[in-house]
Amino acid sequence: MEMTSIDVQPKRFRTRWRGLDPRQVEAHCRQMADEAQDLETQNSDLLKKLQEMEKDLISYKEREKTIRNVLLNAHKSAEQMKDNAEKEARLIVAEAEIEAEKILRGAHQRLAGLNEDIAEMKRQKIQLETKLRTTIDAYRQLLDMDKDD
């Protein structure tokens, strides 16, 4: 049976001849009751603290779980953003390569056209020189015929 300070304090003892000193017994009982009361108060305070700490622990565990979830989601988002950036970079590079190929193809076509134009101008120059020489020779012959006459 568990005794409390309330159980100890009102306890009375019978007195006998040559028995215990009733004042000492009562003083001892009062002292025991006071100590029991102190222990009960301490125990109650400790239980309250324990309950508060358990609540805090539950709260901290929930916060930790939330933080872990947030970190996990942030990590997943970062990985996803990284993957998307890499895909976009590959796409940009591929588009740039295609555009460079088009520009290069256009430059080759223009070069080929310029080479054809140069070759045509050279032919025209040769034809012009030939016609000019022929014309000059014809005029020379005319001049020579005039001199002879």
C-alpha atoms as a PDB file:
ATOM      1  CA  MET A   1       0.000   0.000   0.000  1.00  0.00           C
ATOM      2  CA  GLU A   2       1.359   3.400  -1.009  1.00  0.00           C
ATOM      3  CA  MET A   3       1.259   6.067   1.679  1.00  0.00           C
ATOM      4  CA  THR A   4       0.995   9.772   1.100  1.00  0.00           C
ATOM      5  CA  SER A   5       1.699  12.688   3.403  1.00  0.00           C
ATOM      6  CA  ILE A   6      -2.027  12.864   4.161  1.00  0.00           C
ATOM      7  CA  ASP A   7      -1.940   9.260   5.394  1.00  0.00           C
ATOM      8  CA  VAL A   8       1.073   9.807   7.637  1.00  0.00           C
ATOM      9  CA  GLN A   9       0.167  13.103   9.298  1.00  0.00           C
ATOM     10  CA  PRO A  10      -3.092  12.208  11.143  1.00  0.00           C
ATOM     11  CA  LYS A  11      -1.760   8.850  12.313  1.00  0.00           C
ATOM     12  CA  ARG A  12      -2.078   8.493  16.093  1.00  0.00           C
ATOM     13  CA  PHE A  13      -0.424   5.956  18.288  1.00  0.00           C
ATOM     14  CA  ARG A  14      -1.684   4.458  21.476  1.00  0.00           C
ATOM     15  CA  THR A  15       0.364   5.168  24.443  1.00  0.00           C
ATOM     16  CA  ARG A  16       1.465   2.483  26.839  1.00  0.00           C
ATOM     17  CA  TRP A  17       3.207   2.531  30.037  1.00  0.00           C
ATOM     18  CA  ARG A  18       6.869   2.597  29.217  1.00  0.00           C
ATOM     19  CA  GLY A  19       5.962   3.130  25.583  1.00  0.00           C
ATOM     20  CA  LEU A  20       7.324   5.662  23.148  1.00  0.00           C
ATOM     21  CA  ASP A  21       7.251   9.360  23.820  1.00  0.00           C
ATOM     22  CA  PRO A  22       4.136  10.585  22.040  1.00  0.00           C
ATOM     23  CA  ARG A  23       5.673  13.987  21.266  1.00  0.00           C
ATOM     24  CA  GLN A  24       8.653  12.432  19.582  1.00  0.00           C
ATOM     25  CA  VAL A  25       6.416  10.089  17.594  1.00  0.00           C
ATOM     26  CA  GLU A  26       4.212  12.984  16.492  1.00  0.00           C
ATOM     27  CA  ALA A  27       7.244  15.120  15.590  1.00  0.00           C
ATOM     28  CA  HIS A  28       8.668  12.239  13.618  1.00  0.00           C
ATOM     29  CA  CYS A  29       5.325  11.687  11.878  1.00  0.00           C
ATOM     30  CA  ARG A  30       5.106  15.393  11.005  1.00  0.00           C
ATOM     31  CA  GLN A  31       8.640  15.308   9.656  1.00  0.00           C
ATOM     32  CA  MET A  32       7.810  12.191   7.625  1.00  0.00           C
ATOM     33  CA  ALA A  33       4.643  13.847   6.342  1.00  0.00           C
ATOM     34  CA  ASP A  34       6.570  16.974   5.304  1.00  0.00           C
ATOM     35  CA  GLU A  35       9.222  14.938   3.525  1.00  0.00           C
ATOM     36  CA  ALA A  36       6.566  12.841   1.800  1.00  0.00           C
ATOM     37  CA  GLN A  37       4.807  16.055   0.716  1.00  0.00           C
ATOM     38  CA  ASP A  38       8.097  17.397  -0.683  1.00  0.00           C
ATOM     39  CA  LEU A  39       8.718  14.136  -2.521  1.00  0.00           C
ATOM     40  CA  GLU A  40       5.192  14.180  -3.960  1.00  0.00           C
ATOM     41  CA  THR A  41       5.663  17.771  -5.138  1.00  0.00           C
ATOM     42  CA  GLN A  42       9.025  16.922  -6.686  1.00  0.00           C
ATOM     43  CA  ASN A  43       7.561  13.832  -8.314  1.00  0.00           C
ATOM     44  CA  SER A  44       4.631  15.840  -9.694  1.00  0.00           C
ATOM     45  CA  ASP A  45       6.980  18.525 -11.038  1.00  0.00           C
ATOM     46  CA  LEU A  46       9.202  15.896 -12.636  1.00  0.00           C
ATOM     47  CA  LEU A  47       6.212  14.201 -14.244  1.00  0.00           C
ATOM     48  CA  LYS A  48       5.067  17.540 -15.669  1.00  0.00           C
ATOM     49  CA  LYS A  49       8.564  18.212 -17.013  1.00  0.00           C
ATOM     50  CA  LEU A  50       8.686  14.729 -18.493  1.00  0.00           C
ATOM     51  CA  GLN A  51       5.352  15.242 -20.235  1.00  0.00           C
ATOM     52  CA  GLU A  52       6.507  18.618 -21.606  1.00  0.00           C
ATOM     53  CA  MET A  53       9.749  17.069 -22.804  1.00  0.00           C
ATOM     54  CA  GLU A  54       7.869  14.219 -24.465  1.00  0.00           C
ATOM     55  CA  LYS A  55       5.656  16.773 -26.235  1.00  0.00           C
ATOM     56  CA  ASP A  56       8.758  18.709 -27.286  1.00  0.00           C
ATOM     57  CA  LEU A  57      10.375  15.486 -28.498  1.00  0.00           C
ATOM     58  CA  ILE A  58       7.323  14.659 -30.603  1.00  0.00           C
ATOM     59  CA  SER A  59       7.339  18.197 -31.991  1.00  0.00           C
ATOM     60  CA  TYR A  60      11.064  17.988 -32.786  1.00  0.00           C
ATOM     61  CA  LYS A  61      10.616  14.623 -34.487  1.00  0.00           C
ATOM     62  CA  GLU A  62       7.808  16.050 -36.621  1.00  0.00           C
ATOM     63  CA  ARG A  63       9.988  19.044 -37.515  1.00  0.00           C
ATOM     64  CA  GLU A  64      12.864  16.728 -38.377  1.00  0.00           C
ATOM     65  CA  LYS A  65      10.565  14.671 -40.592  1.00  0.00           C
ATOM     66  CA  THR A  66       9.314  17.843 -42.299  1.00  0.00           C
ATOM     67  CA  ILE A  67      12.856  19.107 -42.814  1.00  0.00           C
ATOM     68  CA  ARG A  68      13.928  15.752 -44.244  1.00  0.00           C
ATOM     69  CA  ASN A  69      10.982  15.836 -46.653  1.00  0.00           C
ATOM     70  CA  VAL A  70      11.777  19.402 -47.674  1.00  0.00           C
ATOM     71  CA  LEU A  71      15.433  18.503 -48.246  1.00  0.00           C
ATOM     72  CA  LEU A  72      14.467  15.420 -50.228  1.00  0.00           C
ATOM     73  CA  ASN A  73      12.074  17.441 -52.384  1.00  0.00           C
ATOM     74  CA  ALA A  74      14.697  20.156 -52.870  1.00  0.00           C
ATOM     75  CA  HIS A  75      17.234  17.523 -53.902  1.00  0.00           C
ATOM     76  CA  LYS A  76      14.772  15.982 -56.358  1.00  0.00           C
ATOM     77  CA  SER A  77      13.929  19.426 -57.755  1.00  0.00           C
ATOM     78  CA  ALA A  78      17.603  20.271 -58.140  1.00  0.00           C
ATOM     79  CA  GLU A  79      18.249  16.988 -59.958  1.00  0.00           C
ATOM     80  CA  GLN A  80      15.262  17.586 -62.203  1.00  0.00           C
ATOM     81  CA  MET A  81      16.398  21.147 -62.944  1.00  0.00           C
ATOM     82  CA  LYS A  82      19.893  19.861 -63.702  1.00  0.00           C
ATOM     83  CA  ASP A  83      18.513  17.217 -66.074  1.00  0.00           C
ATOM     84  CA  ASN A  84      16.301  19.789 -67.789  1.00  0.00           C
ATOM     85  CA  ALA A  85      19.229  22.204 -68.142  1.00  0.00           C
ATOM     86  CA  GLU A  86      21.390  19.453 -69.655  1.00  0.00           C
ATOM     87  CA  LYS A  87      18.640  18.518 -72.110  1.00  0.00           C
ATOM     88  CA  GLU A  88      18.147  22.165 -73.043  1.00  0.00           C
ATOM     89  CA  ALA A  89      21.901  22.614 -73.484  1.00  0.00           C
ATOM     90  CA  ARG A  90      22.064  19.566 -75.775  1.00  0.00           C
ATOM     91  CA  LEU A  91      19.131  20.931 -77.766  1.00  0.00           C
ATOM     92  CA  ILE A  92      20.781  24.358 -78.093  1.00  0.00           C
ATOM     93  CA  VAL A  93      24.048  22.755 -79.215  1.00  0.00           C
ATOM     94  CA  ALA A  94      22.208  20.590 -81.764  1.00  0.00           C
ATOM     95  CA  GLU A  95      20.351  23.630 -83.124  1.00  0.00           C
ATOM     96  CA  ALA A  96      23.611  25.583 -83.289  1.00  0.00           C
ATOM     97  CA  GLU A  97      25.284  22.725 -85.172  1.00  0.00           C
ATOM     98  CA  ILE A  98      22.398  22.613 -87.645  1.00  0.00           C
ATOM     99  CA  GLU A  99      22.537  26.385 -88.101  1.00  0.00           C
ATOM    100  CA  ALA A 100      26.326  26.269 -88.539  1.00  0.00           C
ATOM    101  CA  GLU A 101      25.927  23.523 -91.116  1.00  0.00           C
ATOM    102  CA  LYS A 102      23.365  25.644 -93.016  1.00  0.00           C
ATOM    103  CA  ILE A 103      25.696  28.659 -92.916  1.00  0.00           C
ATOM    104  CA  LEU A 104      28.627  26.531 -94.067  1.00  0.00           C
ATOM    105  CA  ARG A 105      26.558  24.997 -96.860  1.00  0.00           C
ATOM    106  CA  GLY A 106      25.464  28.492 -97.919  1.00  0.00           C
ATOM    107  CA  ALA A 107      29.068  29.705 -97.857  1.00  0.00           C
ATOM    108  CA  HIS A 108      30.165  26.734-100.009  1.00  0.00           C
ATOM    109  CA  GLN A 109      27.378  27.434-102.482  1.00  0.00           C
ATOM    110  CA  ARG A 110      28.313  31.104-102.620  1.00  0.00           C
ATOM    111  CA  LEU A 111      31.977  30.187-103.097  1.00  0.00           C
ATOM    112  CA  ALA A 112      31.051  27.829-105.890  1.00  0.00           C
ATOM    113  CA  GLY A 113      28.943  30.586-107.459  1.00  0.00           C
ATOM    114  CA  LEU A 114      31.785  33.083-107.137  1.00  0.00           C
ATOM    115  CA  ASN A 115      34.222  30.597-108.676  1.00  0.00           C
ATOM    116  CA  GLU A 116      31.799  30.103-111.584  1.00  0.00           C
ATOM    117  CA  ASP A 117      31.480  33.884-111.949  1.00  0.00           C
ATOM    118  CA  ILE A 118      35.284  34.256-111.945  1.00  0.00           C
ATOM    119  CA  ALA A 119      35.637  31.492-114.541  1.00  0.00           C
ATOM    120  CA  GLU A 120      32.941  33.147-116.688  1.00  0.00           C
ATOM    121  CA  MET A 121      34.676  36.545-116.387  1.00  0.00           C
ATOM    122  CA  LYS A 122      37.977  34.944-117.393  1.00  0.00           C
ATOM    123  CA  ARG A 123      36.289  33.435-120.473  1.00  0.00           C
ATOM    124  CA  GLN A 124      34.699  36.765-121.295  1.00  0.00           C
ATOM    125  CA  LYS A 125      38.089  38.484-120.853  1.00  0.00           C
ATOM    126  CA  ILE A 126      39.734  35.981-123.188  1.00  0.00           C
ATOM    127  CA  GLN A 127      36.909  36.440-125.720  1.00  0.00           C
ATOM    128  CA  LEU A 128      37.132  40.232-125.401  1.00  0.00           C
ATOM    129  CA  GLU A 129      40.935  40.161-125.790  1.00  0.00           C
ATOM    130  CA  THR A 130      40.570  37.905-128.830  1.00  0.00           C
ATOM    131  CA  LYS A 131      37.962  40.150-130.421  1.00  0.00           C
ATOM    132  CA  LEU A 132      40.000  43.227-129.599  1.00  0.00           C
ATOM    133  CA  ARG A 133      43.145  41.702-131.133  1.00  0.00           C
ATOM    134  CA  THR A 134      41.172  40.669-134.159  1.00  0.00           C
ATOM    135  CA  THR A 135      39.761  44.168-134.502  1.00  0.00           C
ATOM    136  CA  ILE A 136      43.195  45.749-133.987  1.00  0.00           C
ATOM    137  CA  ASP A 137      44.726  43.373-136.552  1.00  0.00           C
ATOM    138  CA  ALA A 138      41.971  44.226-138.983  1.00  0.00           C
ATOM    139  CA  TYR A 139      42.590  47.975-138.545  1.00  0.00           C
ATOM    140  CA  ARG A 140      46.341  47.419-138.898  1.00  0.00           C
ATOM    141  CA  GLN A 141      45.831  45.588-142.111  1.00  0.00           C
ATOM    142  CA  LEU A 142      43.645  48.424-143.313  1.00  0.00           C
ATOM    143  CA  LEU A 143      46.310  50.905-142.327  1.00  0.00           C
ATOM    144  CA  ASP A 144      48.969  48.844-143.998  1.00  0.00           C
ATOM    145  CA  MET A 145      46.883  48.709-147.165  1.00  0.00           C
ATOM    146  CA  ASP A 146      46.460  52.442-147.054  1.00  0.00           C
ATOM    147  CA  LYS A 147      50.211  52.851-146.729  1.00  0.00           C
ATOM    148  CA  ASP A 148      50.817  50.606-149.646  1.00  0.00           C
ATOM    149  CA  ASP A 149      48.448  52.503-151.805  1.00  0.00           C
END
